[in-house]
C-alpha atoms as a PDB file:
ATOM      1  CA  MET A   1      15.143 -45.924  -6.372  1.00  0.00           C
ATOM      2  CA  LEU A   2      11.407 -45.341  -5.368  1.00  0.00           C
ATOM      3  CA  ASP A   3       9.220 -43.047  -7.308  1.00  0.00           C
ATOM      4  CA  LEU A   4       9.988 -40.283  -4.897  1.00  0.00           C
ATOM      5  CA  SER A   5      11.172 -36.804  -4.304  1.00  0.00           C
ATOM      6  CA  VAL A   6      12.544 -34.892  -1.498  1.00  0.00           C
ATOM      7  CA  ILE A   7      12.236 -31.157  -0.565  1.00  0.00           C
ATOM      8  CA  ILE A   8      14.723 -29.794   1.600  1.00  0.00           C
ATOM      9  CA  LEU A   9      14.435 -26.000   2.856  1.00  0.00           C
ATOM     10  CA  THR A  10      18.069 -24.544   3.791  1.00  0.00           C
ATOM     11  CA  TYR A  11      19.877 -21.925   4.951  1.00  0.00           C
ATOM     12  CA  ASN A  12      23.317 -22.317   6.270  1.00  0.00           C
ATOM     13  CA  GLU A  13      23.057 -25.871   6.731  1.00  0.00           C
ATOM     14  CA  GLU A  14      26.894 -27.219   5.648  1.00  0.00           C
ATOM     15  CA  ILE A  15      26.814 -28.642   9.231  1.00  0.00           C
ATOM     16  CA  HIS A  16      23.927 -30.816   8.481  1.00  0.00           C
ATOM     17  CA  ILE A  17      23.131 -31.134   4.718  1.00  0.00           C
ATOM     18  CA  ARG A  18      25.551 -34.038   3.508  1.00  0.00           C
ATOM     19  CA  ARG A  19      24.346 -36.111   6.097  1.00  0.00           C
ATOM     20  CA  CYS A  20      21.237 -35.323   5.379  1.00  0.00           C
ATOM     21  CA  ILE A  21      21.594 -35.987   1.599  1.00  0.00           C
ATOM     22  CA  ASP A  22      23.691 -39.010   2.116  1.00  0.00           C
ATOM     23  CA  ASN A  23      21.084 -40.536   4.134  1.00  0.00           C
ATOM     24  CA  ILE A  24      18.114 -40.212   1.432  1.00  0.00           C
ATOM     25  CA  ARG A  25      19.923 -40.176  -1.979  1.00  0.00           C
ATOM     26  CA  ASN A  26      19.628 -43.888  -2.484  1.00  0.00           C
ATOM     27  CA  LEU A  27      15.787 -43.791  -1.741  1.00  0.00           C
ATOM     28  CA  ALA A  28      14.899 -40.645  -3.970  1.00  0.00           C
ATOM     29  CA  LYS A  29      15.005 -40.270  -7.502  1.00  0.00           C
ATOM     30  CA  ASP A  30      15.292 -36.413  -7.168  1.00  0.00           C
ATOM     31  CA  ILE A  31      16.414 -34.168  -4.300  1.00  0.00           C
ATOM     32  CA  PHE A  32      15.467 -30.257  -4.150  1.00  0.00           C
ATOM     33  CA  ILE A  33      17.054 -28.029  -2.280  1.00  0.00           C
ATOM     34  CA  VAL A  34      15.241 -24.977  -1.912  1.00  0.00           C
ATOM     35  CA  ASP A  35      17.818 -22.498  -0.482  1.00  0.00           C
ATOM     36  CA  SER A  36      17.595 -19.059   1.226  1.00  0.00           C
ATOM     37  CA  PHE A  37      20.392 -17.638  -0.096  1.00  0.00           C
ATOM     38  CA  SER A  38      22.983 -19.317   2.132  1.00  0.00           C
ATOM     39  CA  THR A  39      26.442 -17.872   3.077  1.00  0.00           C
ATOM     40  CA  ASP A  40      28.221 -20.852   3.609  1.00  0.00           C
ATOM     41  CA  LYS A  41      28.977 -24.067   1.638  1.00  0.00           C
ATOM     42  CA  THR A  42      25.309 -25.739   1.928  1.00  0.00           C
ATOM     43  CA  VAL A  43      24.824 -25.239  -1.892  1.00  0.00           C
ATOM     44  CA  GLU A  44      28.675 -26.182  -3.069  1.00  0.00           C
ATOM     45  CA  ILE A  45      28.031 -29.492  -1.221  1.00  0.00           C
ATOM     46  CA  ALA A  46      24.459 -29.983  -2.333  1.00  0.00           C
ATOM     47  CA  LEU A  47      25.758 -29.540  -5.868  1.00  0.00           C
ATOM     48  CA  GLU A  48      28.257 -32.494  -5.526  1.00  0.00           C
ATOM     49  CA  TYR A  49      25.556 -34.918  -5.882  1.00  0.00           C
ATOM     50  CA  GLU A  50      24.135 -35.870  -9.227  1.00  0.00           C
ATOM     51  CA  ASN A  51      20.230 -36.270  -8.297  1.00  0.00           C
ATOM     52  CA  VAL A  52      20.321 -32.819  -6.043  1.00  0.00           C
ATOM     53  CA  SER A  53      18.801 -29.613  -8.035  1.00  0.00           C
ATOM     54  CA  VAL A  54      19.130 -26.398  -6.130  1.00  0.00           C
ATOM     55  CA  LEU A  55      16.685 -23.605  -6.265  1.00  0.00           C
ATOM     56  CA  GLU A  56      16.842 -20.349  -4.373  1.00  0.00           C
ATOM     57  CA  ASN A  57      13.943 -18.134  -3.101  1.00  0.00           C
ATOM     58  CA  LYS A  58      14.116 -15.334  -0.455  1.00  0.00           C
ATOM     59  CA  TRP A  59      12.805 -16.516   2.883  1.00  0.00           C
ATOM     60  CA  GLU A  60       9.899 -14.326   4.406  1.00  0.00           C
ATOM     61  CA  ASN A  61      10.119 -15.631   8.055  1.00  0.00           C
ATOM     62  CA  ASN A  62       7.196 -18.142   7.112  1.00  0.00           C
ATOM     63  CA  TYR A  63       8.058 -22.002   6.373  1.00  0.00           C
ATOM     64  CA  ALA A  64       4.649 -22.833   5.214  1.00  0.00           C
ATOM     65  CA  ARG A  65       5.169 -20.018   2.669  1.00  0.00           C
ATOM     66  CA  GLN A  66       8.316 -21.354   1.736  1.00  0.00           C
ATOM     67  CA  PHE A  67       7.590 -25.088   1.091  1.00  0.00           C
ATOM     68  CA  ASN A  68       4.475 -24.317  -0.639  1.00  0.00           C
ATOM     69  CA  TRP A  69       6.440 -22.319  -3.046  1.00  0.00           C
ATOM     70  CA  ALA A  70       8.996 -25.146  -3.588  1.00  0.00           C
ATOM     71  CA  LEU A  71       6.023 -27.239  -4.433  1.00  0.00           C
ATOM     72  CA  ASP A  72       4.808 -24.821  -6.971  1.00  0.00           C
ATOM     73  CA  HIS A  73       8.516 -24.380  -8.531  1.00  0.00           C
ATOM     74  CA  CYS A  74      10.231 -27.518  -8.084  1.00  0.00           C
ATOM     75  CA  PRO A  75       9.939 -29.816 -11.342  1.00  0.00           C
ATOM     76  CA  VAL A  76       8.804 -32.764  -9.487  1.00  0.00           C
ATOM     77  CA  LYS A  77       8.269 -35.661 -11.871  1.00  0.00           C
ATOM     78  CA  THR A  78       7.505 -38.319  -9.158  1.00  0.00           C
ATOM     79  CA  GLN A  79       4.513 -39.876  -7.392  1.00  0.00           C
ATOM     80  CA  TRP A  80       5.389 -39.171  -3.986  1.00  0.00           C
ATOM     81  CA  VAL A  81       7.195 -36.309  -2.112  1.00  0.00           C
ATOM     82  CA  LEU A  82       9.019 -36.097   0.927  1.00  0.00           C
ATOM     83  CA  ARG A  83       9.426 -32.823   3.349  1.00  0.00           C
ATOM     84  CA  LEU A  84      12.444 -33.380   5.104  1.00  0.00           C
ATOM     85  CA  ASP A  85      14.663 -30.574   7.270  1.00  0.00           C
ATOM     86  CA  ALA A  86      18.239 -30.505   7.053  1.00  0.00           C
ATOM     87  CA  ASP A  87      18.859 -31.700  10.352  1.00  0.00           C
ATOM     88  CA  GLU A  88      16.706 -34.837  10.069  1.00  0.00           C
ATOM     89  CA  TYR A  89      17.293 -38.466   8.769  1.00  0.00           C
ATOM     90  CA  PHE A  90      15.757 -41.708   8.255  1.00  0.00           C
ATOM     91  CA  THR A  91      16.458 -44.681  10.626  1.00  0.00           C
ATOM     92  CA  PRO A  92      17.923 -47.672   8.516  1.00  0.00           C
ATOM     93  CA  GLU A  93      14.507 -49.372   9.549  1.00  0.00           C
ATOM     94  CA  LEU A  94      12.329 -46.598   8.102  1.00  0.00           C
ATOM     95  CA  VAL A  95      14.471 -46.803   4.751  1.00  0.00           C
ATOM     96  CA  LYS A  96      13.653 -50.610   4.795  1.00  0.00           C
ATOM     97  CA  GLU A  97      10.139 -50.070   5.590  1.00  0.00           C
ATOM     98  CA  THR A  98       9.784 -47.036   2.940  1.00  0.00           C
ATOM     99  CA  GLU A  99      11.470 -49.418   0.348  1.00  0.00           C
ATOM    100  CA  ALA A 100       9.189 -52.213   1.127  1.00  0.00           C
ATOM    101  CA  ARG A 101       5.864 -50.504   1.183  1.00  0.00           C
ATOM    102  CA  LEU A 102       5.558 -47.153  -0.712  1.00  0.00           C
ATOM    103  CA  SER A 103       5.361 -48.411  -4.167  1.00  0.00           C
ATOM    104  CA  GLY A 104       2.544 -51.098  -3.481  1.00  0.00           C
ATOM    105  CA  LEU A 105       0.170 -48.702  -1.427  1.00  0.00           C
ATOM    106  CA  ASP A 106      -3.318 -48.330  -2.967  1.00  0.00           C
ATOM    107  CA  ASN A 107      -3.950 -45.269  -4.871  1.00  0.00           C
ATOM    108  CA  HIS A 108      -6.554 -43.920  -2.197  1.00  0.00           C
ATOM    109  CA  ILE A 109      -3.672 -43.609   0.399  1.00  0.00           C
ATOM    110  CA  THR A 110      -2.194 -39.920  -0.302  1.00  0.00           C
ATOM    111  CA  GLY A 111      -0.304 -39.472   2.970  1.00  0.00           C
ATOM    112  CA  ILE A 112       1.938 -41.113   5.151  1.00  0.00           C
ATOM    113  CA  ILE A 113       2.496 -40.155   8.914  1.00  0.00           C
ATOM    114  CA  LEU A 114       6.104 -40.785  10.050  1.00  0.00           C
ATOM    115  CA  LYS A 115       7.226 -41.050  13.979  1.00  0.00           C
ATOM    116  CA  ARG A 116       9.652 -38.223  14.663  1.00  0.00           C
ATOM    117  CA  ARG A 117      12.593 -38.820  17.483  1.00  0.00           C
ATOM    118  CA  HIS A 118      14.376 -36.129  18.988  1.00  0.00           C
ATOM    119  CA  VAL A 119      18.305 -36.369  19.802  1.00  0.00           C
ATOM    120  CA  PHE A 120      19.319 -33.819  21.905  1.00  0.00           C
ATOM    121  CA  LEU A 121      23.060 -33.206  23.287  1.00  0.00           C
ATOM    122  CA  GLY A 122      23.657 -36.715  21.688  1.00  0.00           C
ATOM    123  CA  LYS A 123      20.783 -38.523  23.194  1.00  0.00           C
ATOM    124  CA  TRP A 124      17.499 -40.081  22.043  1.00  0.00           C
ATOM    125  CA  ILE A 125      14.947 -38.434  24.428  1.00  0.00           C
ATOM    126  CA  LYS A 126      12.546 -41.123  24.701  1.00  0.00           C
ATOM    127  CA  ARG A 127      10.313 -39.827  27.537  1.00  0.00           C
ATOM    128  CA  GLY A 128       7.882 -36.481  27.655  1.00  0.00           C
ATOM    129  CA  THR A 129       7.113 -36.003  24.127  1.00  0.00           C
ATOM    130  CA  TYR A 130       8.307 -38.861  21.805  1.00  0.00           C
ATOM    131  CA  PRO A 131       6.804 -40.262  19.401  1.00  0.00           C
ATOM    132  CA  VAL A 132       5.780 -36.917  17.512  1.00  0.00           C
ATOM    133  CA  LYS A 133       3.625 -38.111  14.611  1.00  0.00           C
ATOM    134  CA  LEU A 134       3.803 -36.023  11.190  1.00  0.00           C
ATOM    135  CA  LEU A 135       2.214 -36.153   7.775  1.00  0.00           C
ATOM    136  CA  ARG A 136       5.656 -35.845   5.858  1.00  0.00           C
ATOM    137  CA  LEU A 137       5.197 -38.126   2.992  1.00  0.00           C
ATOM    138  CA  PHE A 138       2.518 -37.520   0.346  1.00  0.00           C
ATOM    139  CA  ARG A 139       1.384 -37.898  -3.080  1.00  0.00           C
ATOM    140  CA  TYR A 140       2.320 -34.942  -5.545  1.00  0.00           C
ATOM    141  CA  LYS A 141      -0.490 -32.569  -5.813  1.00  0.00           C
ATOM    142  CA  LYS A 142      -2.400 -34.329  -2.982  1.00  0.00           C
ATOM    143  CA  ALA A 143      -1.076 -32.044  -0.186  1.00  0.00           C
ATOM    144  CA  VAL A 144       0.017 -28.575   0.865  1.00  0.00           C
ATOM    145  CA  CYS A 145       1.418 -26.899   4.151  1.00  0.00           C
ATOM    146  CA  GLU A 146      -1.137 -25.324   6.176  1.00  0.00           C
ATOM    147  CA  GLN A 147      -0.551 -21.601   6.260  1.00  0.00           C
ATOM    148  CA  ARG A 148       0.681 -20.816   9.731  1.00  0.00           C
ATOM    149  CA  LEU A 149       3.572 -18.914  11.569  1.00  0.00           C
ATOM    150  CA  MET A 150       4.275 -21.779  13.822  1.00  0.00           C
ATOM    151  CA  ASP A 151       3.338 -25.538  14.297  1.00  0.00           C
ATOM    152  CA  GLU A 152       2.487 -25.732  10.397  1.00  0.00           C
ATOM    153  CA  HIS A 153       1.524 -29.285   9.237  1.00  0.00           C
ATOM    154  CA  ILE A 154       1.298 -30.858   5.774  1.00  0.00           C
ATOM    155  CA  GLN A 155      -2.706 -31.024   5.161  1.00  0.00           C
ATOM    156  CA  LEU A 156      -3.887 -33.660   2.542  1.00  0.00           C
ATOM    157  CA  LEU A 157      -6.385 -32.403   0.081  1.00  0.00           C
ATOM    158  CA  GLU A 158      -7.785 -35.595  -0.574  1.00  0.00           C
ATOM    159  CA  GLY A 159      -7.606 -39.286  -0.170  1.00  0.00           C
ATOM    160  CA  ASP A 160      -6.702 -41.018   3.185  1.00  0.00           C
ATOM    161  CA  LEU A 161      -3.823 -41.471   5.599  1.00  0.00           C
ATOM    162  CA  LEU A 162      -1.646 -44.444   6.442  1.00  0.00           C
ATOM    163  CA  GLU A 163       1.090 -44.776   9.431  1.00  0.00           C
ATOM    164  CA  PHE A 164       4.529 -46.445   9.062  1.00  0.00           C
ATOM    165  CA  GLU A 165       6.006 -48.152  12.089  1.00  0.00           C
ATOM    166  CA  ASN A 166       9.690 -46.706  12.051  1.00  0.00           C
ATOM    167  CA  ASP A 167      10.932 -43.565  12.816  1.00  0.00           C
ATOM    168  CA  PHE A 168      12.665 -40.256  11.153  1.00  0.00           C
ATOM    169  CA  VAL A 169      15.414 -38.411  13.483  1.00  0.00           C
ATOM    170  CA  ASP A 170      15.638 -34.784  14.388  1.00  0.00           C
ATOM    171  CA  HIS A 171      19.223 -34.385  15.225  1.00  0.00           C
ATOM    172  CA  ASN A 172      20.833 -30.900  15.435  1.00  0.00           C
ATOM    173  CA  LEU A 173      24.380 -30.674  15.519  1.00  0.00           C
ATOM    174  CA  HIS A 174      24.623 -27.152  16.786  1.00  0.00           C
ATOM    175  CA  ASP A 175      25.554 -26.254  20.458  1.00  0.00           C
ATOM    176  CA  ILE A 176      23.241 -24.643  22.866  1.00  0.00           C
ATOM    177  CA  SER A 177      24.050 -21.121  22.333  1.00  0.00           C
ATOM    178  CA  TRP A 178      22.965 -21.585  18.413  1.00  0.00           C
ATOM    179  CA  TRP A 179      19.791 -23.498  19.895  1.00  0.00           C
ATOM    180  CA  THR A 180      18.941 -20.944  22.212  1.00  0.00           C
ATOM    181  CA  GLU A 181      19.360 -18.296  19.908  1.00  0.00           C
ATOM    182  CA  LYS A 182      17.288 -19.658  17.336  1.00  0.00           C
ATOM    183  CA  HIS A 183      14.447 -20.155  20.026  1.00  0.00           C
ATOM    184  CA  VAL A 184      14.399 -16.482  20.677  1.00  0.00           C
ATOM    185  CA  GLY A 185      13.494 -15.834  17.001  1.00  0.00           C
ATOM    186  CA  TYR A 186      10.859 -18.764  17.128  1.00  0.00           C
ATOM    187  CA  ALA A 187       9.466 -17.070  20.572  1.00  0.00           C
ATOM    188  CA  ILE A 188       8.273 -14.328  18.266  1.00  0.00           C
ATOM    189  CA  ARG A 189       6.553 -16.020  15.730  1.00  0.00           C
ATOM    190  CA  GLU A 190       4.887 -18.478  18.321  1.00  0.00           C
ATOM    191  CA  ALA A 191       3.893 -15.319  20.532  1.00  0.00           C
ATOM    192  CA  VAL A 192       1.970 -13.998  17.493  1.00  0.00           C
ATOM    193  CA  ASP A 193       0.589 -17.342  16.567  1.00  0.00           C
ATOM    194  CA  LEU A 194      -1.009 -17.466  20.153  1.00  0.00           C
ATOM    195  CA  LEU A 195      -2.043 -13.728  19.912  1.00  0.00           C
ATOM    196  CA  ASP A 196      -3.796 -14.714  16.630  1.00  0.00           C
ATOM    197  CA  MET A 197      -5.474 -17.691  18.361  1.00  0.00           C
ATOM    198  CA  GLU A 198      -6.887 -15.489  21.273  1.00  0.00           C
ATOM    199  CA  PHE A 199      -8.082 -12.434  18.982  1.00  0.00           C
ATOM    200  CA  GLY A 200      -8.709 -13.947  15.645  1.00  0.00           C
ATOM    201  CA  PHE A 201      -6.736 -11.760  13.594  1.00  0.00           C
ATOM    202  CA  SER A 202      -6.442 -14.468  10.528  1.00  0.00           C
ATOM    203  CA  ASN A 203      -9.659 -16.067  10.941  1.00  0.00           C
ATOM    204  CA  ASN A 204      -7.802 -19.443  10.582  1.00  0.00           C
ATOM    205  CA  ASN A 205     -10.434 -22.240  10.680  1.00  0.00           C
ATOM    206  CA  SER A 206      -9.069 -24.591   8.313  1.00  0.00           C
ATOM    207  CA  VAL A 207      -9.778 -28.498   9.267  1.00  0.00           C
ATOM    208  CA  MET A 208      -6.988 -30.369   9.068  1.00  0.00           C
ATOM    209  CA  LYS A 209      -6.439 -33.625   7.663  1.00  0.00           C
ATOM    210  CA  ALA A 210      -2.598 -34.224   9.033  1.00  0.00           C
ATOM    211  CA  GLY A 211      -3.547 -36.935  11.389  1.00  0.00           C
ATOM    212  CA  ASP A 212      -4.973 -37.958  14.497  1.00  0.00           C
ATOM    213  CA  GLN A 213      -2.115 -36.598  16.658  1.00  0.00           C
ATOM    214  CA  ALA A 214      -1.807 -33.407  14.721  1.00  0.00           C
ATOM    215  CA  GLU A 215      -5.650 -32.885  15.517  1.00  0.00           C
ATOM    216  CA  ARG A 216      -5.211 -33.549  18.956  1.00  0.00           C
ATOM    217  CA  LYS A 217      -2.076 -31.281  19.161  1.00  0.00           C
ATOM    218  CA  ARG A 218      -3.913 -28.285  17.699  1.00  0.00           C
ATOM    219  CA  LYS A 219      -6.601 -28.755  20.094  1.00  0.00           C
ATOM    220  CA  LYS A 220      -4.196 -28.761  23.114  1.00  0.00           C
ATOM    221  CA  LYS A 221      -2.653 -25.627  21.556  1.00  0.00           C
ATOM    222  CA  LYS A 222      -6.032 -23.621  21.742  1.00  0.00           C
ATOM    223  CA  SER A 223      -6.499 -24.957  24.987  1.00  0.00           C
ATOM    224  CA  TYR A 224      -3.253 -23.730  26.082  1.00  0.00           C
ATOM    225  CA  ALA A 225      -3.504 -20.390  24.418  1.00  0.00           C
ATOM    226  CA  SER A 226      -6.633 -19.803  27.052  1.00  0.00           C
ATOM    227  CA  LYS A 227      -4.714 -20.538  30.066  1.00  0.00           C
ATOM    228  CA  PRO A 228      -2.957 -17.804  32.181  1.00  0.00           C
ATOM    229  CA  LEU A 229       0.415 -16.316  31.206  1.00  0.00           C
ATOM    230  CA  PHE A 230       3.498 -18.061  32.715  1.00  0.00           C
ATOM    231  CA  ILE A 231       1.401 -20.508  34.690  1.00  0.00           C
ATOM    232  CA  ARG A 232       0.682 -22.396  31.535  1.00  0.00           C
ATOM    233  CA  SER A 233       4.532 -22.953  31.019  1.00  0.00           C
ATOM    234  CA  PHE A 234       5.296 -24.348  34.290  1.00  0.00           C
ATOM    235  CA  LEU A 235       2.441 -26.649  33.947  1.00  0.00           C
ATOM    236  CA  TYR A 236       3.377 -27.656  30.572  1.00  0.00           C
ATOM    237  CA  PHE A 237       6.767 -28.675  31.919  1.00  0.00           C
ATOM    238  CA  ILE A 238       5.432 -30.552  34.696  1.00  0.00           C
ATOM    239  CA  TYR A 239       3.444 -32.453  32.640  1.00  0.00           C
ATOM    240  CA  ARG A 240       6.304 -33.478  30.513  1.00  0.00           C
ATOM    241  CA  TYR A 241       9.169 -33.746  33.179  1.00  0.00           C
ATOM    242  CA  ILE A 242       6.959 -35.320  35.696  1.00  0.00           C
ATOM    243  CA  VAL A 243       3.576 -36.792  34.470  1.00  0.00           C
ATOM    244  CA  LYS A 244       5.321 -38.158  31.164  1.00  0.00           C
ATOM    245  CA  LEU A 245       8.452 -39.433  32.951  1.00  0.00           C
ATOM    246  CA  GLY A 246      10.793 -37.097  31.276  1.00  0.00           C
ATOM    247  CA  PHE A 247      12.689 -36.909  34.660  1.00  0.00           C
ATOM    248  CA  LEU A 248      14.088 -40.782  33.808  1.00  0.00           C
ATOM    249  CA  GLU A 249      16.281 -39.153  30.928  1.00  0.00           C
ATOM    250  CA  GLY A 250      19.253 -37.983  32.800  1.00  0.00           C
ATOM    251  CA  LYS A 251      20.851 -34.259  32.513  1.00  0.00           C
ATOM    252  CA  GLU A 252      19.965 -34.466  28.564  1.00  0.00           C
ATOM    253  CA  GLY A 253      16.536 -35.042  29.381  1.00  0.00           C
ATOM    254  CA  PHE A 254      16.197 -32.102  32.301  1.00  0.00           C
ATOM    255  CA  LEU A 255      18.116 -29.547  29.701  1.00  0.00           C
ATOM    256  CA  TRP A 256      15.689 -30.858  26.748  1.00  0.00           C
ATOM    257  CA  HIS A 257      12.237 -30.158  28.768  1.00  0.00           C
ATOM    258  CA  PHE A 258      13.539 -27.394  30.735  1.00  0.00           C
ATOM    259  CA  LEU A 259      15.085 -25.391  27.788  1.00  0.00           C
ATOM    260  CA  GLN A 260      12.273 -26.427  25.127  1.00  0.00           C
ATOM    261  CA  GLY A 261       9.263 -27.192  27.504  1.00  0.00           C
ATOM    262  CA  TRP A 262       9.392 -24.174  29.962  1.00  0.00           C
ATOM    263  CA  TRP A 263      12.193 -21.649  29.300  1.00  0.00           C
ATOM    264  CA  TYR A 264      10.952 -21.434  25.633  1.00  0.00           C
ATOM    265  CA  ARG A 265       7.357 -21.007  26.410  1.00  0.00           C
ATOM    266  CA  THR A 266       7.939 -18.781  29.269  1.00  0.00           C
ATOM    267  CA  LEU A 267       9.789 -16.740  26.655  1.00  0.00           C
ATOM    268  CA  VAL A 268       6.714 -16.554  24.475  1.00  0.00           C
ATOM    269  CA  ASP A 269       4.639 -15.828  27.161  1.00  0.00           C
ATOM    270  CA  ALA A 270       7.070 -13.158  27.934  1.00  0.00           C
ATOM    271  CA  LYS A 271       6.723 -11.493  24.293  1.00  0.00           C
ATOM    272  CA  ILE A 272       2.939 -11.830  24.436  1.00  0.00           C
ATOM    273  CA  PHE A 273       2.813  -9.962  27.765  1.00  0.00           C
ATOM    274  CA  GLU A 274       5.360  -7.045  26.397  1.00  0.00           C
ATOM    275  CA  ILE A 275       3.063  -6.669  23.151  1.00  0.00           C
ATOM    276  CA  LYS A 276      -0.151  -6.732  25.283  1.00  0.00           C
ATOM    277  CA  LYS A 277       1.459  -4.015  27.913  1.00  0.00           C
ATOM    278  CA  HIS A 278       2.745  -1.757  25.060  1.00  0.00           C
ATOM    279  CA  CYS A 279      -0.659  -2.001  23.193  1.00  0.00           C
ATOM    280  CA  ARG A 280      -2.560  -1.656  26.685  1.00  0.00           C
ATOM    281  CA  ASN A 281      -4.407  -5.083  25.303  1.00  0.00           C
ATOM    282  CA  ASP A 282      -5.839  -3.074  22.339  1.00  0.00           C
ATOM    283  CA  LYS A 283      -6.731  -5.947  19.549  1.00  0.00           C
ATOM    284  CA  ASP A 284      -6.270  -3.104  16.667  1.00  0.00           C
ATOM    285  CA  GLU A 285      -3.336  -1.829  18.043  1.00  0.00           C
ATOM    286  CA  ILE A 286      -1.582  -5.246  18.760  1.00  0.00           C
ATOM    287  CA  LYS A 287      -2.183  -6.236  14.961  1.00  0.00           C
ATOM    288  CA  LYS A 288      -0.558  -3.065  13.912  1.00  0.00           C
ATOM    289  CA  TYR A 289       2.243  -3.391  16.591  1.00  0.00           C
ATOM    290  CA  ILE A 290       3.148  -6.645  15.022  1.00  0.00           C
ATOM    291  CA  ALA A 291       3.065  -5.302  11.352  1.00  0.00           C
ATOM    292  CA  GLN A 292       5.532  -2.269  12.394  1.00  0.00           C
ATOM    293  CA  LYS A 293       7.741  -4.169  14.968  1.00  0.00           C
ATOM    294  CA  TYR A 294       8.145  -7.742  13.614  1.00  0.00           C
ATOM    295  CA  HIS A 295       6.666  -7.102   9.745  1.00  0.00           C
ATOM    296  CA  ILE A 296       4.326  -9.903  10.120  1.00  0.00           C
ATOM    297  CA  MET A 297       1.100  -9.201   8.358  1.00  0.00           C
ATOM    298  CA  LEU A 298      -2.201 -10.481  10.005  1.00  0.00           C
END
């Protein structure tokens, strides 16, 4: 085993949690499940494993806050920490690469960029968005999760980054109905995040040290936020599906890019339109409305 701890945030993940733990348990000394009071068998399954500990903390509709709570409260005793979601797992190639490289890294390397591949309806979607490069593996106490409502990244506090060659996989096993319902909830937070960028409610000007792709993605998001509602979601779909050759991925690729790249982002714009219309585009009224309606304090 490596000098590594894994932190997994969960809520009703019985469909995924065994696959996730089985995939990583021989790589890590400790696995910490931080559960938001699941009502299914998530905790029961997790406690079957010897090197798995379960902590519980109330979910406050903020991933960054929950993950940083985990960093503060999990009894981590290892040099390295891995952030992993319950529906994610390492490819065999990434397992081997991590085993071979992690222990021999120089001390100035404090963060590892990993490549994420998406599997949607059982198919790896190779064109349109792949690879997404994320800082997920870091030395303990050398990084925190960026405080944002959406699109939050792990950020280094000190040290340098290194990129591994192989992938981890985002492979959710729920059906499309579950997926769309979840993204309705995401749309509210994404809409508030874009409104925050437009109006500067939170004055979030943190400088990211989460990798070049993450920094480019944040700049693109700021540019996206300045574009007209509804037109921008259509153009984003065209970019992914046509320019980035997403149309070569068959029916699964069409559904992935349409639902995640156009439908979802149009829904986000619809929420923004609704909020602005209700508040007559008044900044102070928008902030008050978001707090009252969605219990999100900016």
